[in-house]
Amino acid sequence: MKTITAFGQPTFEVLNRGINGNTTADLLQRLDKDVIAESPDLVVIMVGTNDMLNTDRMISLEDYLLNMRTILKALKEHSIEFVLLSPPPADTVYLFQRHDPHKFSLPPNVKLEKVGNGLKDLCLEFNSLFIDVHGYYKENGLPDHNRDEIIMNENNNNARDGVHMTKEGNVFLGSFIFKSLLENDKLKSNSRILCFGDSITYGYRMIGEGTSTGDTYPSVLKNAMQDYFQE
């Protein structure tokens, strides 16, 4: 149920339904409980990093897109609007320290580019908004191994990571999502927005991880909406 307040104050909600390590198969399993049961007005979906880059859970692009289409069909059947985000690129120097490079038939970021292309096609099919996070990061020269402040690395976070966002990275990501949603008229002052995905949505190692508070990207989105609707 949406919260209603007097005097025309914004009553929107931003929910964080990201879980560490999730793939499209995991999202399918928890779709009813974590999304449909929440009756959101808009679902912001970003998933695919584990499907494409985690060698313990890796699946084909075809299976990934099949899972995504199943998720989108279920949301459409329940008249729930959705937006798809392409996963950001990864720092392969660190990625290959945790995952065997010989298990990749294509370079990891090429795989993620193909995910973005597939998601864009799905958005055309379902008449929904596609936000090219991957392209936005590439345009800004990200990742830049051990030099950028956006993706966790040894210099900015004392972590040989290359996948998850720093605090600054979540501001970078959340601000871009807010701008994209605003420009495409997807933000309403009384809406219930649900961010659905993996550890990037969850806010791995961030203050407020798993919530829309602290330093997660859903928190950045919520705060930007709060500022916008109170102007």
C-alpha atoms as a PDB file:
ATOM      1  CA  MET A   1       0.000   0.000   0.000  1.00  0.00           C
ATOM      2  CA  LYS A   2       1.200   3.507  -0.806  1.00  0.00           C
ATOM      3  CA  THR A   3       1.583   5.929   2.067  1.00  0.00           C
ATOM      4  CA  ILE A   4      -0.601   9.030   1.759  1.00  0.00           C
ATOM      5  CA  THR A   5       0.218  12.260   3.526  1.00  0.00           C
ATOM      6  CA  ALA A   6      -1.543  15.575   3.671  1.00  0.00           C
ATOM      7  CA  PHE A   7      -0.616  18.889   2.066  1.00  0.00           C
ATOM      8  CA  GLY A   8       0.617  17.333  -1.152  1.00  0.00           C
ATOM      9  CA  GLN A   9       3.932  16.089   0.247  1.00  0.00           C
ATOM     10  CA  PRO A  10       5.730  13.461  -1.867  1.00  0.00           C
ATOM     11  CA  THR A  11       4.839   9.937  -0.786  1.00  0.00           C
ATOM     12  CA  PHE A  12       7.139   7.903  -3.005  1.00  0.00           C
ATOM     13  CA  GLU A  13       9.063   4.850  -1.810  1.00  0.00           C
ATOM     14  CA  VAL A  14      12.277   3.291  -3.085  1.00  0.00           C
ATOM     15  CA  LEU A  15      12.770  -0.373  -2.160  1.00  0.00           C
ATOM     16  CA  ASN A  16      16.046  -2.267  -2.413  1.00  0.00           C
ATOM     17  CA  ARG A  17      15.591  -5.875  -3.480  1.00  0.00           C
ATOM     18  CA  GLY A  18      19.151  -6.658  -4.490  1.00  0.00           C
ATOM     19  CA  ILE A  19      20.866  -9.798  -3.169  1.00  0.00           C
ATOM     20  CA  ASN A  20      24.566 -10.642  -3.348  1.00  0.00           C
ATOM     21  CA  GLY A  21      25.505 -13.203  -5.959  1.00  0.00           C
ATOM     22  CA  ASN A  22      22.118 -13.315  -7.665  1.00  0.00           C
ATOM     23  CA  THR A  23      21.618 -14.394 -11.254  1.00  0.00           C
ATOM     24  CA  THR A  24      18.544 -14.228 -13.476  1.00  0.00           C
ATOM     25  CA  ALA A  25      17.589 -17.685 -12.181  1.00  0.00           C
ATOM     26  CA  ASP A  26      17.596 -16.346  -8.617  1.00  0.00           C
ATOM     27  CA  LEU A  27      15.498 -13.339  -9.631  1.00  0.00           C
ATOM     28  CA  LEU A  28      12.984 -15.684 -11.223  1.00  0.00           C
ATOM     29  CA  GLN A  29      12.726 -17.717  -8.021  1.00  0.00           C
ATOM     30  CA  ARG A  30      12.008 -14.703  -5.841  1.00  0.00           C
ATOM     31  CA  LEU A  31      10.009 -12.640  -8.322  1.00  0.00           C
ATOM     32  CA  ASP A  32       6.612 -13.331  -6.763  1.00  0.00           C
ATOM     33  CA  LYS A  33       7.664 -12.645  -3.175  1.00  0.00           C
ATOM     34  CA  ASP A  34      10.125  -9.800  -3.651  1.00  0.00           C
ATOM     35  CA  VAL A  35       8.497  -7.927  -6.529  1.00  0.00           C
ATOM     36  CA  ILE A  36       4.945  -8.845  -7.479  1.00  0.00           C
ATOM     37  CA  ALA A  37       3.755  -9.063  -3.852  1.00  0.00           C
ATOM     38  CA  GLU A  38       5.103  -5.531  -3.257  1.00  0.00           C
ATOM     39  CA  SER A  39       2.848  -4.060  -5.989  1.00  0.00           C
ATOM     40  CA  PRO A  40       5.439  -1.549  -7.215  1.00  0.00           C
ATOM     41  CA  ASP A  41       4.636   1.100  -9.798  1.00  0.00           C
ATOM     42  CA  LEU A  42       8.055   0.687 -11.411  1.00  0.00           C
ATOM     43  CA  VAL A  43      10.753  -1.993 -11.222  1.00  0.00           C
ATOM     44  CA  VAL A  44      14.347  -1.043 -12.041  1.00  0.00           C
ATOM     45  CA  ILE A  45      16.158  -4.243 -13.025  1.00  0.00           C
ATOM     46  CA  MET A  46      19.916  -4.690 -13.291  1.00  0.00           C
ATOM     47  CA  VAL A  47      21.266  -8.235 -13.396  1.00  0.00           C
ATOM     48  CA  GLY A  48      23.709 -10.185 -15.508  1.00  0.00           C
ATOM     49  CA  THR A  49      27.150  -9.751 -13.988  1.00  0.00           C
ATOM     50  CA  ASN A  50      27.011 -13.166 -12.292  1.00  0.00           C
ATOM     51  CA  ASP A  51      25.301 -14.828 -15.272  1.00  0.00           C
ATOM     52  CA  MET A  52      28.126 -13.713 -17.552  1.00  0.00           C
ATOM     53  CA  LEU A  53      31.226 -13.396 -15.340  1.00  0.00           C
ATOM     54  CA  ASN A  54      30.910 -15.761 -12.368  1.00  0.00           C
ATOM     55  CA  THR A  55      32.481 -18.980 -13.621  1.00  0.00           C
ATOM     56  CA  ASP A  56      30.630 -20.983 -10.954  1.00  0.00           C
ATOM     57  CA  ARG A  57      27.244 -19.721 -12.180  1.00  0.00           C
ATOM     58  CA  MET A  58      27.871 -18.733 -15.788  1.00  0.00           C
ATOM     59  CA  ILE A  59      25.156 -19.414 -18.363  1.00  0.00           C
ATOM     60  CA  SER A  60      24.829 -18.713 -22.079  1.00  0.00           C
ATOM     61  CA  LEU A  61      23.559 -15.403 -23.401  1.00  0.00           C
ATOM     62  CA  GLU A  62      20.577 -17.245 -24.860  1.00  0.00           C
ATOM     63  CA  ASP A  63      19.610 -18.700 -21.475  1.00  0.00           C
ATOM     64  CA  TYR A  64      20.141 -15.321 -19.826  1.00  0.00           C
ATOM     65  CA  LEU A  65      17.778 -13.606 -22.267  1.00  0.00           C
ATOM     66  CA  LEU A  66      15.244 -16.421 -21.911  1.00  0.00           C
ATOM     67  CA  ASN A  67      15.204 -15.903 -18.139  1.00  0.00           C
ATOM     68  CA  MET A  68      14.875 -12.156 -18.593  1.00  0.00           C
ATOM     69  CA  ARG A  69      11.969 -12.561 -21.014  1.00  0.00           C
ATOM     70  CA  THR A  70      10.212 -14.818 -18.493  1.00  0.00           C
ATOM     71  CA  ILE A  71      10.649 -12.182 -15.774  1.00  0.00           C
ATOM     72  CA  LEU A  72       9.354  -9.418 -18.014  1.00  0.00           C
ATOM     73  CA  LYS A  73       6.342 -11.427 -19.162  1.00  0.00           C
ATOM     74  CA  ALA A  74       5.361 -12.050 -15.541  1.00  0.00           C
ATOM     75  CA  LEU A  75       5.656  -8.359 -14.709  1.00  0.00           C
ATOM     76  CA  LYS A  76       3.620  -7.407 -17.755  1.00  0.00           C
ATOM     77  CA  GLU A  77       0.906  -9.901 -16.796  1.00  0.00           C
ATOM     78  CA  HIS A  78       0.618  -8.084 -13.465  1.00  0.00           C
ATOM     79  CA  SER A  79       0.630  -4.638 -15.159  1.00  0.00           C
ATOM     80  CA  ILE A  80       3.910  -3.695 -13.448  1.00  0.00           C
ATOM     81  CA  GLU A  81       6.058  -1.271 -15.417  1.00  0.00           C
ATOM     82  CA  PHE A  82       9.777  -2.000 -15.641  1.00  0.00           C
ATOM     83  CA  VAL A  83      13.040  -0.430 -16.776  1.00  0.00           C
ATOM     84  CA  LEU A  84      16.083  -2.477 -17.780  1.00  0.00           C
ATOM     85  CA  LEU A  85      19.667  -1.458 -17.014  1.00  0.00           C
ATOM     86  CA  SER A  86      22.715  -3.001 -18.637  1.00  0.00           C
ATOM     87  CA  PRO A  87      25.305  -4.201 -16.099  1.00  0.00           C
ATOM     88  CA  PRO A  88      28.416  -2.016 -15.803  1.00  0.00           C
ATOM     89  CA  PRO A  89      31.769  -3.190 -17.168  1.00  0.00           C
ATOM     90  CA  ALA A  90      34.259  -4.979 -14.932  1.00  0.00           C
ATOM     91  CA  ASP A  91      37.980  -4.594 -14.303  1.00  0.00           C
ATOM     92  CA  THR A  92      39.183  -7.847 -15.846  1.00  0.00           C
ATOM     93  CA  VAL A  93      42.587  -7.663 -14.142  1.00  0.00           C
ATOM     94  CA  TYR A  94      40.884  -8.356 -10.820  1.00  0.00           C
ATOM     95  CA  LEU A  95      38.161 -10.533 -12.295  1.00  0.00           C
ATOM     96  CA  PHE A  96      40.733 -12.979 -13.648  1.00  0.00           C
ATOM     97  CA  GLN A  97      42.348 -13.239 -10.223  1.00  0.00           C
ATOM     98  CA  ARG A  98      39.110 -14.827  -8.964  1.00  0.00           C
ATOM     99  CA  HIS A  99      37.851 -16.582 -12.098  1.00  0.00           C
ATOM    100  CA  ASP A 100      39.679 -18.769 -14.606  1.00  0.00           C
ATOM    101  CA  PRO A 101      40.171 -16.726 -17.815  1.00  0.00           C
ATOM    102  CA  HIS A 102      40.224 -19.933 -19.869  1.00  0.00           C
ATOM    103  CA  LYS A 103      36.527 -20.426 -19.126  1.00  0.00           C
ATOM    104  CA  PHE A 104      35.634 -17.306 -21.098  1.00  0.00           C
ATOM    105  CA  SER A 105      34.960 -17.819 -24.789  1.00  0.00           C
ATOM    106  CA  LEU A 106      34.759 -14.035 -25.199  1.00  0.00           C
ATOM    107  CA  PRO A 107      36.338 -11.180 -23.222  1.00  0.00           C
ATOM    108  CA  PRO A 108      34.151 -10.466 -20.169  1.00  0.00           C
ATOM    109  CA  ASN A 109      33.205  -6.942 -21.173  1.00  0.00           C
ATOM    110  CA  VAL A 110      32.330  -8.079 -24.681  1.00  0.00           C
ATOM    111  CA  LYS A 111      29.926 -10.543 -23.062  1.00  0.00           C
ATOM    112  CA  LEU A 112      28.411  -7.710 -21.028  1.00  0.00           C
ATOM    113  CA  GLU A 113      28.076  -5.568 -24.160  1.00  0.00           C
ATOM    114  CA  LYS A 114      26.119  -8.399 -25.768  1.00  0.00           C
ATOM    115  CA  VAL A 115      23.903  -8.490 -22.672  1.00  0.00           C
ATOM    116  CA  GLY A 116      23.210  -4.794 -23.134  1.00  0.00           C
ATOM    117  CA  ASN A 117      22.323  -5.300 -26.789  1.00  0.00           C
ATOM    118  CA  GLY A 118      19.986  -8.142 -25.873  1.00  0.00           C
ATOM    119  CA  LEU A 119      18.307  -6.071 -23.155  1.00  0.00           C
ATOM    120  CA  LYS A 120      17.843  -3.190 -25.564  1.00  0.00           C
ATOM    121  CA  ASP A 121      16.064  -5.547 -27.968  1.00  0.00           C
ATOM    122  CA  LEU A 122      13.847  -6.830 -25.140  1.00  0.00           C
ATOM    123  CA  CYS A 123      12.911  -3.257 -24.274  1.00  0.00           C
ATOM    124  CA  LEU A 124      11.871  -2.652 -27.873  1.00  0.00           C
ATOM    125  CA  GLU A 125       9.814  -5.846 -27.756  1.00  0.00           C
ATOM    126  CA  PHE A 126       8.097  -4.894 -24.483  1.00  0.00           C
ATOM    127  CA  ASN A 127       7.937  -1.139 -25.192  1.00  0.00           C
ATOM    128  CA  SER A 128       9.938  -0.309 -22.064  1.00  0.00           C
ATOM    129  CA  LEU A 129      12.860   1.945 -21.196  1.00  0.00           C
ATOM    130  CA  PHE A 130      16.441   0.749 -21.567  1.00  0.00           C
ATOM    131  CA  ILE A 131      19.182   2.557 -19.622  1.00  0.00           C
ATOM    132  CA  ASP A 132      22.657   1.843 -20.955  1.00  0.00           C
ATOM    133  CA  VAL A 133      24.740   1.818 -17.777  1.00  0.00           C
ATOM    134  CA  HIS A 134      27.489  -0.153 -19.516  1.00  0.00           C
ATOM    135  CA  GLY A 135      27.807   2.441 -22.282  1.00  0.00           C
ATOM    136  CA  TYR A 136      27.777   5.308 -19.781  1.00  0.00           C
ATOM    137  CA  TYR A 137      30.674   3.783 -17.863  1.00  0.00           C
ATOM    138  CA  LYS A 138      32.656   3.175 -21.059  1.00  0.00           C
ATOM    139  CA  GLU A 139      32.086   6.767 -22.187  1.00  0.00           C
ATOM    140  CA  ASN A 140      33.607   7.882 -18.891  1.00  0.00           C
ATOM    141  CA  GLY A 141      36.661   5.651 -19.255  1.00  0.00           C
ATOM    142  CA  LEU A 142      35.567   3.123 -16.641  1.00  0.00           C
ATOM    143  CA  PRO A 143      36.966   0.961 -15.273  1.00  0.00           C
ATOM    144  CA  ASP A 144      40.445   2.485 -15.162  1.00  0.00           C
ATOM    145  CA  HIS A 145      42.520  -0.102 -13.318  1.00  0.00           C
ATOM    146  CA  ASN A 146      43.620   1.155  -9.895  1.00  0.00           C
ATOM    147  CA  ARG A 147      43.006   4.766 -10.931  1.00  0.00           C
ATOM    148  CA  ASP A 148      39.266   5.358 -10.911  1.00  0.00           C
ATOM    149  CA  GLU A 149      37.195   6.109  -7.808  1.00  0.00           C
ATOM    150  CA  ILE A 150      34.034   4.380  -9.050  1.00  0.00           C
ATOM    151  CA  ILE A 151      34.660   0.622  -9.138  1.00  0.00           C
ATOM    152  CA  MET A 152      36.299  -0.978  -6.104  1.00  0.00           C
ATOM    153  CA  ASN A 153      40.009  -1.497  -6.521  1.00  0.00           C
ATOM    154  CA  GLU A 154      43.100  -1.819  -4.360  1.00  0.00           C
ATOM    155  CA  ASN A 155      43.794   1.910  -4.307  1.00  0.00           C
ATOM    156  CA  ASN A 156      40.308   3.306  -3.654  1.00  0.00           C
ATOM    157  CA  ASN A 157      38.971   0.588  -1.351  1.00  0.00           C
ATOM    158  CA  ASN A 158      41.858  -1.707  -0.478  1.00  0.00           C
ATOM    159  CA  ALA A 159      40.001  -4.406  -2.380  1.00  0.00           C
ATOM    160  CA  ARG A 160      41.037  -6.452  -5.401  1.00  0.00           C
ATOM    161  CA  ASP A 161      37.477  -6.328  -6.632  1.00  0.00           C
ATOM    162  CA  GLY A 162      36.843  -4.749 -10.032  1.00  0.00           C
ATOM    163  CA  VAL A 163      33.066  -5.340 -10.021  1.00  0.00           C
ATOM    164  CA  HIS A 164      31.308  -3.602  -7.120  1.00  0.00           C
ATOM    165  CA  MET A 165      30.792   0.113  -6.641  1.00  0.00           C
ATOM    166  CA  THR A 166      32.532   2.333  -4.119  1.00  0.00           C
ATOM    167  CA  LYS A 167      30.515   4.964  -2.253  1.00  0.00           C
ATOM    168  CA  GLU A 168      31.428   7.413  -5.025  1.00  0.00           C
ATOM    169  CA  GLY A 169      30.501   4.760  -7.561  1.00  0.00           C
ATOM    170  CA  ASN A 170      27.013   4.424  -6.145  1.00  0.00           C
ATOM    171  CA  VAL A 171      26.571   8.190  -6.377  1.00  0.00           C
ATOM    172  CA  PHE A 172      27.772   8.007  -9.985  1.00  0.00           C
ATOM    173  CA  LEU A 173      25.405   5.135 -10.780  1.00  0.00           C
ATOM    174  CA  GLY A 174      22.383   6.330  -8.805  1.00  0.00           C
ATOM    175  CA  SER A 175      22.615   9.860 -10.211  1.00  0.00           C
ATOM    176  CA  PHE A 176      22.708   8.519 -13.764  1.00  0.00           C
ATOM    177  CA  ILE A 177      19.682   6.312 -13.131  1.00  0.00           C
ATOM    178  CA  PHE A 178      17.788   9.235 -11.575  1.00  0.00           C
ATOM    179  CA  LYS A 179      18.596  11.495 -14.531  1.00  0.00           C
ATOM    180  CA  SER A 180      17.560   8.810 -17.038  1.00  0.00           C
ATOM    181  CA  LEU A 181      14.276   8.081 -15.249  1.00  0.00           C
ATOM    182  CA  LEU A 182      13.499  11.791 -14.910  1.00  0.00           C
ATOM    183  CA  GLU A 183      14.217  12.550 -18.560  1.00  0.00           C
ATOM    184  CA  ASN A 184      11.894   9.733 -19.618  1.00  0.00           C
ATOM    185  CA  ASP A 185       9.046  10.784 -17.281  1.00  0.00           C
ATOM    186  CA  LYS A 186       9.295   7.677 -15.102  1.00  0.00           C
ATOM    187  CA  LEU A 187       9.352   9.438 -11.715  1.00  0.00           C
ATOM    188  CA  LYS A 188       6.147  10.357  -9.881  1.00  0.00           C
ATOM    189  CA  SER A 189       5.817  11.947  -6.462  1.00  0.00           C
ATOM    190  CA  ASN A 190       3.547   9.151  -5.209  1.00  0.00           C
ATOM    191  CA  SER A 191       5.221   6.167  -6.822  1.00  0.00           C
ATOM    192  CA  ARG A 192       6.615   2.954  -5.377  1.00  0.00           C
ATOM    193  CA  ILE A 193       9.896   2.088  -7.065  1.00  0.00           C
ATOM    194  CA  LEU A 194      11.577  -1.274  -6.550  1.00  0.00           C
ATOM    195  CA  CYS A 195      15.247  -1.818  -7.438  1.00  0.00           C
ATOM    196  CA  PHE A 196      15.726  -5.483  -8.320  1.00  0.00           C
ATOM    197  CA  GLY A 197      19.057  -7.172  -8.906  1.00  0.00           C
ATOM    198  CA  ASP A 198      22.295  -8.549  -7.527  1.00  0.00           C
ATOM    199  CA  SER A 199      25.064  -7.241  -5.268  1.00  0.00           C
ATOM    200  CA  ILE A 200      25.461  -3.981  -7.190  1.00  0.00           C
ATOM    201  CA  THR A 201      21.860  -3.095  -6.309  1.00  0.00           C
ATOM    202  CA  TYR A 202      22.286  -4.556  -2.824  1.00  0.00           C
ATOM    203  CA  GLY A 203      25.233  -2.254  -2.189  1.00  0.00           C
ATOM    204  CA  TYR A 204      27.947  -4.746  -1.336  1.00  0.00           C
ATOM    205  CA  ARG A 205      30.146  -3.536   1.551  1.00  0.00           C
ATOM    206  CA  MET A 206      28.290  -0.226   1.728  1.00  0.00           C
ATOM    207  CA  ILE A 207      26.683   1.441   4.731  1.00  0.00           C
ATOM    208  CA  GLY A 208      23.006   0.519   4.449  1.00  0.00           C
ATOM    209  CA  GLU A 209      23.639  -2.522   2.243  1.00  0.00           C
ATOM    210  CA  GLY A 210      20.387  -4.201   1.247  1.00  0.00           C
ATOM    211  CA  THR A 211      18.374  -1.041   1.931  1.00  0.00           C
ATOM    212  CA  SER A 212      17.588   2.327   0.372  1.00  0.00           C
ATOM    213  CA  THR A 213      19.560   4.142   3.062  1.00  0.00           C
ATOM    214  CA  GLY A 214      23.243   4.908   3.487  1.00  0.00           C
ATOM    215  CA  ASP A 215      25.512   4.635   0.447  1.00  0.00           C
ATOM    216  CA  THR A 216      23.656   2.203  -1.837  1.00  0.00           C
ATOM    217  CA  TYR A 217      22.509   3.293  -5.286  1.00  0.00           C
ATOM    218  CA  PRO A 218      18.806   2.942  -4.294  1.00  0.00           C
ATOM    219  CA  SER A 219      19.575   5.396  -1.483  1.00  0.00           C
ATOM    220  CA  VAL A 220      21.147   7.840  -3.952  1.00  0.00           C
ATOM    221  CA  LEU A 221      18.069   7.512  -6.153  1.00  0.00           C
ATOM    222  CA  LYS A 222      15.734   8.080  -3.212  1.00  0.00           C
ATOM    223  CA  ASN A 223      17.632  11.150  -2.011  1.00  0.00           C
ATOM    224  CA  ALA A 224      17.694  12.645  -5.497  1.00  0.00           C
ATOM    225  CA  MET A 225      13.938  12.132  -5.785  1.00  0.00           C
ATOM    226  CA  GLN A 226      13.414  13.699  -2.370  1.00  0.00           C
ATOM    227  CA  ASP A 227      15.353  16.797  -3.430  1.00  0.00           C
ATOM    228  CA  TYR A 228      13.565  17.000  -6.775  1.00  0.00           C
ATOM    229  CA  PHE A 229      10.019  16.693  -5.459  1.00  0.00           C
ATOM    230  CA  GLN A 230      10.589  19.131  -2.611  1.00  0.00           C
ATOM    231  CA  GLU A 231      11.900  21.912  -4.839  1.00  0.00           C
END
